[in-house]
Structures are given as structure tokens and as C-alpha cells.
C-alpha atoms as a PDB file:
ATOM      1  CA  MET A   1       0.000   0.000   0.000  1.00  0.00           C
ATOM      2  CA  SER A   2       1.353   3.440  -0.907  1.00  0.00           C
ATOM      3  CA  ASP A   3       1.012   6.456   1.368  1.00  0.00           C
ATOM      4  CA  LYS A   4       1.998   9.695  -0.337  1.00  0.00           C
ATOM      5  CA  GLN A   5      -0.606  12.122   1.002  1.00  0.00           C
ATOM      6  CA  HIS A   6       1.593  14.908   2.399  1.00  0.00           C
ATOM      7  CA  PRO A   7       5.150  14.436   1.105  1.00  0.00           C
ATOM      8  CA  ASN A   8       6.113  18.072   1.799  1.00  0.00           C
ATOM      9  CA  ASP A   9       5.319  17.654   5.512  1.00  0.00           C
ATOM     10  CA  ALA A  10       6.948  14.256   5.869  1.00  0.00           C
ATOM     11  CA  VAL A  11       9.549  13.661   8.564  1.00  0.00           C
ATOM     12  CA  ILE A  12       9.987  10.056   7.412  1.00  0.00           C
ATOM     13  CA  ASN A  13       9.700   8.877   3.804  1.00  0.00           C
ATOM     14  CA  ILE A  14       9.869   5.146   3.081  1.00  0.00           C
ATOM     15  CA  ASP A  15       9.690   3.869  -0.494  1.00  0.00           C
ATOM     16  CA  LYS A  16       9.535   0.195  -1.577  1.00  0.00           C
ATOM     17  CA  LEU A  17      11.586  -0.840   1.444  1.00  0.00           C
ATOM     18  CA  SER A  18      12.415  -4.495   2.068  1.00  0.00           C
ATOM     19  CA  LEU A  19      14.741  -6.245   4.486  1.00  0.00           C
ATOM     20  CA  THR A  20      16.053  -9.799   4.321  1.00  0.00           C
ATOM     21  CA  PHE A  21      18.213 -11.435   6.986  1.00  0.00           C
ATOM     22  CA  PRO A  22      20.554 -14.242   5.861  1.00  0.00           C
ATOM     23  CA  SER A  23      20.585 -17.343   8.076  1.00  0.00           C
ATOM     24  CA  ASN A  24      21.899 -20.901   8.008  1.00  0.00           C
ATOM     25  CA  ASP A  25      18.374 -22.143   7.294  1.00  0.00           C
ATOM     26  CA  GLY A  26      17.843 -19.762   4.383  1.00  0.00           C
ATOM     27  CA  ASP A  27      16.960 -16.105   4.041  1.00  0.00           C
ATOM     28  CA  VAL A  28      14.424 -14.583   6.443  1.00  0.00           C
ATOM     29  CA  HIS A  29      12.220 -12.001   4.726  1.00  0.00           C
ATOM     30  CA  ALA A  30      11.405  -9.565   7.537  1.00  0.00           C
ATOM     31  CA  LEU A  31       9.913  -6.642   5.575  1.00  0.00           C
ATOM     32  CA  SER A  32       8.507  -6.455   2.073  1.00  0.00           C
ATOM     33  CA  ASP A  33       7.689  -3.478  -0.155  1.00  0.00           C
ATOM     34  CA  ILE A  34       6.961  -0.918   2.589  1.00  0.00           C
ATOM     35  CA  ASP A  35       5.649   2.479   1.420  1.00  0.00           C
ATOM     36  CA  LEU A  36       4.985   5.001   4.179  1.00  0.00           C
ATOM     37  CA  SER A  37       5.188   8.725   4.903  1.00  0.00           C
ATOM     38  CA  ILE A  38       5.040  10.033   8.468  1.00  0.00           C
ATOM     39  CA  ASN A  39       4.271  13.707   8.835  1.00  0.00           C
ATOM     40  CA  ARG A  40       5.586  16.246  11.314  1.00  0.00           C
ATOM     41  CA  GLY A  41       3.612  16.134  14.564  1.00  0.00           C
ATOM     42  CA  ASP A  42       2.015  12.760  13.816  1.00  0.00           C
ATOM     43  CA  PHE A  43       1.563  10.067  16.451  1.00  0.00           C
ATOM     44  CA  VAL A  44       1.808   6.876  14.394  1.00  0.00           C
ATOM     45  CA  SER A  45       1.434   3.392  15.869  1.00  0.00           C
ATOM     46  CA  PHE A  46       2.685   0.211  14.201  1.00  0.00           C
ATOM     47  CA  ILE A  47       0.520  -2.754  15.179  1.00  0.00           C
ATOM     48  CA  GLY A  48       0.609  -6.349  14.056  1.00  0.00           C
ATOM     49  CA  PRO A  49       1.160  -9.920  15.249  1.00  0.00           C
ATOM     50  CA  SER A  50       4.436 -11.029  16.806  1.00  0.00           C
ATOM     51  CA  GLY A  51       7.128 -11.440  14.173  1.00  0.00           C
ATOM     52  CA  CYS A  52       5.446  -9.141  11.630  1.00  0.00           C
ATOM     53  CA  GLY A  53       8.427  -6.783  11.469  1.00  0.00           C
ATOM     54  CA  LYS A  54       7.036  -3.739  13.278  1.00  0.00           C
ATOM     55  CA  THR A  55      10.035  -3.456  15.620  1.00  0.00           C
ATOM     56  CA  THR A  56      12.356  -4.196  12.704  1.00  0.00           C
ATOM     57  CA  LEU A  57      10.810  -1.309  10.775  1.00  0.00           C
ATOM     58  CA  LEU A  58      11.311   0.972  13.782  1.00  0.00           C
ATOM     59  CA  ARG A  59      14.942  -0.164  13.979  1.00  0.00           C
ATOM     60  CA  VAL A  60      15.455   0.611  10.287  1.00  0.00           C
ATOM     61  CA  ILE A  61      14.210   4.160  10.921  1.00  0.00           C
ATOM     62  CA  ALA A  62      16.698   4.353  13.819  1.00  0.00           C
ATOM     63  CA  ASP A  63      19.632   2.978  11.778  1.00  0.00           C
ATOM     64  CA  LEU A  64      19.826  -0.080  14.025  1.00  0.00           C
ATOM     65  CA  GLU A  65      19.034  -2.287  11.003  1.00  0.00           C
ATOM     66  CA  GLN A  66      19.720  -1.589   7.326  1.00  0.00           C
ATOM     67  CA  ALA A  67      17.232  -2.182   4.535  1.00  0.00           C
ATOM     68  CA  THR A  68      18.276  -4.499   1.722  1.00  0.00           C
ATOM     69  CA  ALA A  69      16.077  -2.797  -0.897  1.00  0.00           C
ATOM     70  CA  GLY A  70      14.191   0.447  -1.331  1.00  0.00           C
ATOM     71  CA  SER A  71      14.896   3.792   0.299  1.00  0.00           C
ATOM     72  CA  ILE A  72      14.237   5.716   3.510  1.00  0.00           C
ATOM     73  CA  ASP A  73      14.987   9.236   4.675  1.00  0.00           C
ATOM     74  CA  VAL A  74      14.540  10.829   8.100  1.00  0.00           C
ATOM     75  CA  ASN A  75      14.309  14.617   8.207  1.00  0.00           C
ATOM     76  CA  GLY A  76      15.762  14.695   4.702  1.00  0.00           C
ATOM     77  CA  MET A  77      18.758  12.571   5.730  1.00  0.00           C
ATOM     78  CA  SER A  78      19.647   8.909   5.625  1.00  0.00           C
ATOM     79  CA  PRO A  79      18.917   7.068   8.880  1.00  0.00           C
ATOM     80  CA  HIS A  80      22.664   6.966   9.536  1.00  0.00           C
ATOM     81  CA  GLU A  81      22.986  10.724   9.126  1.00  0.00           C
ATOM     82  CA  ALA A  82      19.895  11.255  11.288  1.00  0.00           C
ATOM     83  CA  ARG A  83      21.383   9.092  14.044  1.00  0.00           C
ATOM     84  CA  LEU A  84      24.653  11.053  13.974  1.00  0.00           C
ATOM     85  CA  ALA A  85      22.638  14.302  14.052  1.00  0.00           C
ATOM     86  CA  ARG A  86      20.656  12.978  17.052  1.00  0.00           C
ATOM     87  CA  ALA A  87      17.444  13.664  15.151  1.00  0.00           C
ATOM     88  CA  TYR A  88      15.540  11.055  17.163  1.00  0.00           C
ATOM     89  CA  GLY A  89      15.256   9.641  20.666  1.00  0.00           C
ATOM     90  CA  TYR A  90      14.668   5.915  21.146  1.00  0.00           C
ATOM     91  CA  VAL A  91      12.717   4.306  24.000  1.00  0.00           C
ATOM     92  CA  PHE A  92      13.217   0.539  24.296  1.00  0.00           C
ATOM     93  CA  GLN A  93      10.889  -2.122  25.702  1.00  0.00           C
ATOM     94  CA  ALA A  94      12.913  -2.190  28.931  1.00  0.00           C
ATOM     95  CA  ALA A  95      13.963   1.011  30.664  1.00  0.00           C
ATOM     96  CA  SER A  96      17.668  -0.022  30.535  1.00  0.00           C
ATOM     97  CA  LEU A  97      18.795   2.323  33.298  1.00  0.00           C
ATOM     98  CA  TYR A  98      22.169   2.105  35.016  1.00  0.00           C
ATOM     99  CA  PRO A  99      21.482   1.051  38.625  1.00  0.00           C
ATOM    100  CA  TRP A 100      24.571   2.846  39.984  1.00  0.00           C
ATOM    101  CA  ARG A 101      23.556   6.204  38.535  1.00  0.00           C
ATOM    102  CA  THR A 102      20.871   8.424  40.043  1.00  0.00           C
ATOM    103  CA  ILE A 103      17.769   9.237  38.005  1.00  0.00           C
ATOM    104  CA  ALA A 104      19.201  12.651  37.106  1.00  0.00           C
ATOM    105  CA  LYS A 105      22.504  11.102  36.036  1.00  0.00           C
ATOM    106  CA  ASN A 106      20.745   8.436  33.939  1.00  0.00           C
ATOM    107  CA  ILE A 107      18.914  11.187  32.061  1.00  0.00           C
ATOM    108  CA  ALA A 108      22.137  13.183  31.761  1.00  0.00           C
ATOM    109  CA  LEU A 109      24.119  10.320  30.220  1.00  0.00           C
ATOM    110  CA  PRO A 110      23.465  11.081  26.518  1.00  0.00           C
ATOM    111  CA  LEU A 111      24.164  14.756  27.220  1.00  0.00           C
ATOM    112  CA  GLU A 112      27.513  13.873  28.761  1.00  0.00           C
ATOM    113  CA  ILE A 113      28.304  11.769  25.690  1.00  0.00           C
ATOM    114  CA  MET A 114      27.419  14.780  23.515  1.00  0.00           C
ATOM    115  CA  GLY A 115      29.968  16.812  25.463  1.00  0.00           C
ATOM    116  CA  LEU A 116      27.545  19.171  27.202  1.00  0.00           C
ATOM    117  CA  LYS A 117      28.576  20.549  30.569  1.00  0.00           C
ATOM    118  CA  GLY A 118      27.309  21.674  33.950  1.00  0.00           C
ATOM    119  CA  LYS A 119      24.417  24.129  33.914  1.00  0.00           C
ATOM    120  CA  LEU A 120      23.137  23.142  30.458  1.00  0.00           C
ATOM    121  CA  ILE A 121      22.924  19.490  31.479  1.00  0.00           C
ATOM    122  CA  ARG A 122      21.171  20.358  34.757  1.00  0.00           C
ATOM    123  CA  GLU A 123      18.635  22.548  32.959  1.00  0.00           C
ATOM    124  CA  ARG A 124      17.794  19.901  30.370  1.00  0.00           C
ATOM    125  CA  VAL A 125      17.541  17.162  32.992  1.00  0.00           C
ATOM    126  CA  GLN A 126      15.224  19.260  35.141  1.00  0.00           C
ATOM    127  CA  ARG A 127      13.038  20.320  32.214  1.00  0.00           C
ATOM    128  CA  ASN A 128      12.556  16.768  30.989  1.00  0.00           C
ATOM    129  CA  MET A 129      11.963  15.344  34.448  1.00  0.00           C
ATOM    130  CA  GLU A 130       9.147  17.863  34.799  1.00  0.00           C
ATOM    131  CA  LEU A 131       7.749  16.824  31.408  1.00  0.00           C
ATOM    132  CA  VAL A 132       7.354  13.227  32.606  1.00  0.00           C
ATOM    133  CA  ASP A 133       6.158  14.280  36.075  1.00  0.00           C
ATOM    134  CA  LEU A 134       9.261  13.085  37.962  1.00  0.00           C
ATOM    135  CA  ALA A 135      10.464  16.346  39.504  1.00  0.00           C
ATOM    136  CA  GLY A 136      11.781  15.624  42.989  1.00  0.00           C
ATOM    137  CA  PHE A 137      13.170  12.185  42.121  1.00  0.00           C
ATOM    138  CA  GLU A 138      16.531  13.436  40.839  1.00  0.00           C
ATOM    139  CA  LYS A 139      18.592  11.774  43.582  1.00  0.00           C
ATOM    140  CA  LYS A 140      16.734   8.470  43.630  1.00  0.00           C
ATOM    141  CA  TYR A 141      18.158   5.318  42.040  1.00  0.00           C
ATOM    142  CA  PRO A 142      16.321   3.120  39.511  1.00  0.00           C
ATOM    143  CA  TRP A 143      15.752   0.330  42.039  1.00  0.00           C
ATOM    144  CA  GLN A 144      13.822   2.802  44.201  1.00  0.00           C
ATOM    145  CA  LEU A 145      11.274   3.468  41.423  1.00  0.00           C
ATOM    146  CA  SER A 146       8.371   1.419  40.088  1.00  0.00           C
ATOM    147  CA  GLY A 147       8.486  -0.063  36.591  1.00  0.00           C
ATOM    148  CA  GLY A 148       6.226   2.676  35.259  1.00  0.00           C
ATOM    149  CA  MET A 149       8.395   5.398  36.759  1.00  0.00           C
ATOM    150  CA  GLN A 150      11.515   3.794  35.293  1.00  0.00           C
ATOM    151  CA  GLN A 151       9.941   3.936  31.838  1.00  0.00           C
ATOM    152  CA  ARG A 152       9.179   7.615  32.362  1.00  0.00           C
ATOM    153  CA  VAL A 153      12.886   8.097  33.138  1.00  0.00           C
ATOM    154  CA  SER A 154      13.773   6.391  29.858  1.00  0.00           C
ATOM    155  CA  ILE A 155      11.377   8.733  28.004  1.00  0.00           C
ATOM    156  CA  ALA A 156      12.964  11.755  29.698  1.00  0.00           C
ATOM    157  CA  ARG A 157      16.406  10.456  28.707  1.00  0.00           C
ATOM    158  CA  ALA A 158      15.311  10.103  25.075  1.00  0.00           C
ATOM    159  CA  LEU A 159      13.864  13.636  25.105  1.00  0.00           C
ATOM    160  CA  ALA A 160      16.963  15.154  26.705  1.00  0.00           C
ATOM    161  CA  VAL A 161      18.822  15.276  23.377  1.00  0.00           C
ATOM    162  CA  GLU A 162      15.956  17.465  22.080  1.00  0.00           C
ATOM    163  CA  PRO A 163      15.062  15.280  19.087  1.00  0.00           C
ATOM    164  CA  ASP A 164      12.339  16.119  16.583  1.00  0.00           C
ATOM    165  CA  LEU A 165      11.325  12.461  16.489  1.00  0.00           C
ATOM    166  CA  LEU A 166      10.595   9.982  19.286  1.00  0.00           C
ATOM    167  CA  LEU A 167      10.743   6.251  18.475  1.00  0.00           C
ATOM    168  CA  MET A 168       9.101   3.969  21.058  1.00  0.00           C
ATOM    169  CA  ASP A 169       9.283   0.163  20.954  1.00  0.00           C
ATOM    170  CA  GLU A 170       6.466  -1.265  23.132  1.00  0.00           C
ATOM    171  CA  PRO A 171       7.583   0.809  26.123  1.00  0.00           C
ATOM    172  CA  PHE A 172       4.559  -0.113  28.262  1.00  0.00           C
ATOM    173  CA  GLY A 173       4.096  -3.727  27.190  1.00  0.00           C
ATOM    174  CA  ALA A 174       5.402  -5.270  30.422  1.00  0.00           C
ATOM    175  CA  LEU A 175       3.365  -3.063  32.756  1.00  0.00           C
ATOM    176  CA  ASP A 176       0.034  -3.834  34.385  1.00  0.00           C
ATOM    177  CA  GLU A 177      -3.122  -2.361  32.879  1.00  0.00           C
ATOM    178  CA  ILE A 178      -3.644   0.389  35.467  1.00  0.00           C
ATOM    179  CA  VAL A 179      -0.072   1.682  35.145  1.00  0.00           C
ATOM    180  CA  ARG A 180      -0.239   1.357  31.373  1.00  0.00           C
ATOM    181  CA  ASP A 181      -3.419   3.449  31.218  1.00  0.00           C
ATOM    182  CA  HIS A 182      -1.792   6.147  33.368  1.00  0.00           C
ATOM    183  CA  LEU A 183       1.311   6.258  31.167  1.00  0.00           C
ATOM    184  CA  ASN A 184      -0.842   6.386  28.035  1.00  0.00           C
ATOM    185  CA  GLU A 185      -2.522   9.488  29.450  1.00  0.00           C
ATOM    186  CA  GLN A 186       0.825  11.039  30.319  1.00  0.00           C
ATOM    187  CA  LEU A 187       2.255  10.281  26.888  1.00  0.00           C
ATOM    188  CA  LEU A 188      -0.671  12.039  25.192  1.00  0.00           C
ATOM    189  CA  LYS A 189      -0.095  15.081  27.402  1.00  0.00           C
ATOM    190  CA  LEU A 190       3.609  15.030  26.532  1.00  0.00           C
ATOM    191  CA  TRP A 191       2.750  14.837  22.820  1.00  0.00           C
ATOM    192  CA  ALA A 192       0.449  17.844  23.202  1.00  0.00           C
ATOM    193  CA  GLN A 193       3.124  19.812  25.096  1.00  0.00           C
ATOM    194  CA  THR A 194       6.030  19.068  22.763  1.00  0.00           C
ATOM    195  CA  ASN A 195       4.350  18.392  19.393  1.00  0.00           C
ATOM    196  CA  LYS A 196       7.022  15.758  18.746  1.00  0.00           C
ATOM    197  CA  THR A 197       6.577  13.282  15.927  1.00  0.00           C
ATOM    198  CA  ILE A 198       6.111   9.920  17.660  1.00  0.00           C
ATOM    199  CA  VAL A 199       6.371   6.439  16.145  1.00  0.00           C
ATOM    200  CA  PHE A 200       5.105   3.805  18.569  1.00  0.00           C
ATOM    201  CA  VAL A 201       5.139  -0.001  18.370  1.00  0.00           C
ATOM    202  CA  THR A 202       2.406  -1.915  20.204  1.00  0.00           C
ATOM    203  CA  HIS A 203       0.494  -5.210  20.290  1.00  0.00           C
ATOM    204  CA  SER A 204      -2.516  -3.555  21.920  1.00  0.00           C
ATOM    205  CA  ILE A 205      -5.458  -2.423  19.794  1.00  0.00           C
ATOM    206  CA  PRO A 206      -6.916  -0.115  22.514  1.00  0.00           C
ATOM    207  CA  GLU A 207      -3.489   1.450  23.083  1.00  0.00           C
ATOM    208  CA  ALA A 208      -2.917   2.060  19.360  1.00  0.00           C
ATOM    209  CA  VAL A 209      -6.354   3.634  18.899  1.00  0.00           C
ATOM    210  CA  TYR A 210      -6.178   5.726  22.079  1.00  0.00           C
ATOM    211  CA  LEU A 211      -2.735   7.191  21.404  1.00  0.00           C
ATOM    212  CA  SER A 212      -2.536   7.651  17.665  1.00  0.00           C
ATOM    213  CA  ASN A 213      -3.756   9.927  14.961  1.00  0.00           C
ATOM    214  CA  ARG A 214      -2.615   7.288  12.418  1.00  0.00           C
ATOM    215  CA  ILE A 215      -2.422   3.516  12.806  1.00  0.00           C
ATOM    216  CA  VAL A 216      -0.316   1.309  10.532  1.00  0.00           C
ATOM    217  CA  VAL A 217      -1.651  -2.268  10.482  1.00  0.00           C
ATOM    218  CA  MET A 218       0.965  -4.830   9.462  1.00  0.00           C
ATOM    219  CA  SER A 219       0.567  -8.379   8.187  1.00  0.00           C
ATOM    220  CA  PRO A 220       2.625 -11.402   9.316  1.00  0.00           C
ATOM    221  CA  ARG A 221       6.144 -11.973   8.017  1.00  0.00           C
ATOM    222  CA  PRO A 222       7.304 -10.826   5.637  1.00  0.00           C
ATOM    223  CA  GLY A 223       5.967  -7.626   7.170  1.00  0.00           C
ATOM    224  CA  ARG A 224       3.765  -5.625   4.835  1.00  0.00           C
ATOM    225  CA  ILE A 225       1.501  -2.656   5.445  1.00  0.00           C
ATOM    226  CA  TYR A 226      -2.037  -3.963   5.188  1.00  0.00           C
ATOM    227  CA  ASP A 227      -3.888  -0.778   6.141  1.00  0.00           C
ATOM    228  CA  ILE A 228      -3.227   2.801   7.238  1.00  0.00           C
ATOM    229  CA  ILE A 229      -6.036   4.190   9.387  1.00  0.00           C
ATOM    230  CA  ASP A 230      -6.455   7.915  10.000  1.00  0.00           C
ATOM    231  CA  SER A 231      -8.160   8.655  13.308  1.00  0.00           C
ATOM    232  CA  ASP A 232     -10.664  11.498  13.604  1.00  0.00           C
ATOM    233  CA  LEU A 233     -10.807  11.276  17.397  1.00  0.00           C
ATOM    234  CA  PRO A 234     -10.141  14.615  19.143  1.00  0.00           C
ATOM    235  CA  ARG A 235      -6.496  15.098  20.041  1.00  0.00           C
ATOM    236  CA  ASP A 236      -7.424  15.922  23.650  1.00  0.00           C
ATOM    237  CA  ARG A 237      -8.676  12.514  24.817  1.00  0.00           C
ATOM    238  CA  GLU A 238      -9.721  11.121  28.175  1.00  0.00           C
ATOM    239  CA  LEU A 239      -9.578   7.377  28.850  1.00  0.00           C
ATOM    240  CA  SER A 240     -13.377   7.358  28.815  1.00  0.00           C
ATOM    241  CA  ILE A 241     -13.243   7.887  25.042  1.00  0.00           C
ATOM    242  CA  ARG A 242     -12.548   4.155  24.773  1.00  0.00           C
ATOM    243  CA  GLU A 243     -16.229   3.496  25.499  1.00  0.00           C
ATOM    244  CA  THR A 244     -17.539   5.685  22.665  1.00  0.00           C
ATOM    245  CA  PRO A 245     -18.943   4.336  19.381  1.00  0.00           C
ATOM    246  CA  GLU A 246     -16.280   6.256  17.427  1.00  0.00           C
ATOM    247  CA  PHE A 247     -13.433   4.621  19.352  1.00  0.00           C
ATOM    248  CA  LEU A 248     -14.977   1.165  19.089  1.00  0.00           C
ATOM    249  CA  ALA A 249     -15.455   1.592  15.333  1.00  0.00           C
ATOM    250  CA  LEU A 250     -11.767   2.412  14.893  1.00  0.00           C
ATOM    251  CA  ALA A 251     -10.767  -0.516  17.111  1.00  0.00           C
ATOM    252  CA  ASN A 252     -12.949  -2.858  15.040  1.00  0.00           C
ATOM    253  CA  ARG A 253     -11.337  -1.632  11.825  1.00  0.00           C
ATOM    254  CA  VAL A 254      -7.882  -2.335  13.280  1.00  0.00           C
ATOM    255  CA  ARG A 255      -9.021  -5.781  14.436  1.00  0.00           C
ATOM    256  CA  ASP A 256     -10.523  -6.543  11.029  1.00  0.00           C
ATOM    257  CA  GLY A 257      -7.275  -5.434   9.371  1.00  0.00           C
ATOM    258  CA  LEU A 258      -5.216  -7.732  11.585  1.00  0.00           C
ATOM    259  CA  ARG A 259      -7.486 -10.666  10.742  1.00  0.00           C
ATOM    260  CA  ALA A 260      -7.469  -9.880   7.031  1.00  0.00           C
ATOM    261  CA  GLY A 261      -3.697  -9.446   7.114  1.00  0.00           C
ATOM    262  CA  HIS A 262      -3.361 -12.994   8.431  1.00  0.00           C
ATOM    263  CA  SER A 263      -5.586 -14.230   5.615  1.00  0.00           C
ATOM    264  CA  TYR A 264      -3.526 -12.247   3.094  1.00  0.00           C
ATOM    265  CA  ASP A 265      -0.373 -13.938   4.376  1.00  0.00           C
ATOM    266  CA  GLU A 266      -1.888 -17.394   4.063  1.00  0.00           C
ATOM    267  CA  VAL A 267      -2.918 -16.993   0.417  1.00  0.00           C
ATOM    268  CA  ALA A 268       0.115 -14.990  -0.759  1.00  0.00           C
END
């Protein structure tokens, strides 16, 4: 499926992208013929069954994997150039914090690597801790925080480099439903405050529909884009929106796309 609606506004342009991994048992076709444009300020979720390539696609955007065919640019650069320019922040499935560093020092780490010093680091750390509602926890250590709070630290760390683009790989997947709902609400508020472009990987239909203004439904391996769904839900959303007919209609379309994508894979 091609998606060329707003090429002039696109932060990410992907054209006919495929990725094949060699292995001893034969080539593994992870992604096939991906066409996608992601526009500035979008919140785009990738959803699909396990092994469909959604995390692999996110890693290609981040220059953690390289496509074997097709093209991709990020902010007008190659993914490699975008990584060197620190054009994106990446939030992994696990918080991956250093237990011997305080929360403030964990957030400061990429800034230290960039060569920033003293007051500038402290200002950025403080600003981003406030964004994720962790002000006052600067001197705590990761083991003193809950899993949800640790993930908020990892988001603050990704934002500290001041990227235009935030890439998030199932950051709330291991958390219980109550904590996950709370972090979903906080992430929407952060999106509204910063207007970052966010690309988010999830297995959860309610999470994808609640968070996103666009949902990319992927089929099983080799990963293809089966459907791209534009949401007309208001950007300012309460959790209660999940009970509305409009939300349920979007969720049903995503669910139907996932089912049809499986069927597409079986007959391809």
C-alpha cells in the first residue's frame, strides 16, 4: 500500500523498502515493499502480530538495522545521518537504566556523551523530568522506582537530546493495565506539550487507537503494510473515550485489518 498524502510535511519517507536477513536455514524475509510517509507532529502506531516486522521497521528508521532494498529518509537525511545528528530519541521495551547512577545522572548520560557541561545538562535534565512528572526524584536510584516510573525516566532520557522524532518500541508492554493506562494518558499530554513526531510499536489495539492519529496495520512476516487508518478522534482525549462508538469503530477496523492481514499472508 502506498502512502503519499503529504510528502512536503513528511519527517519520514519510506519507499519500496524491504529487508532480508541471511541465516543458516535460508533467508528470512522480515519486511517487504513498505511504502509510508510520516508527517511532522504525527503520532503513528505500528501494530501487528508477533514477528510481523514492526520493531524491525522501527529499527530501520533508527539505523539499528539496514534495509536491503528500497529507500528511507529521516528529516531529509539517511537514517545513519539522522542518528549522527541525534534527530531522534529511542525508548526501548525495557527502561535499561544504570542502577549505579541516580535518576538525574541516567537522564544526563546522553548529554555527557554529547559533550555538554554543567548548567546546560542540569537545565535539560530538570526540564525533561518535569515533562514526565518526575520532579523531585533526581537523587533516587532506579531500584527505588516502580516499573512505570523507570519507563518515564527512559522517556525523559530520550527527550533530553531534544530530538524532533521519538521512536518507542512497546515501552509499556510489560506493565500492568492500570499503570499502562496512566502512562498512556501522560504520553498524550507530553505529545500535546512538545508536538514531537512519535512512532510507537504496540500489540494492543486499545493502546494504538487511544494514542494515535494514524495507525499502521501490518501483516505477518514478511511484514507488509495492510492498512493505514487515519483517526478522527479529538487530540485531547480522556480514557473514557474508549467506550464511545467512534473509538470502538476504529478498534474494530484495526481488528478486522489484523485478521485480514493474516488471511492475506496465508494466500500470498
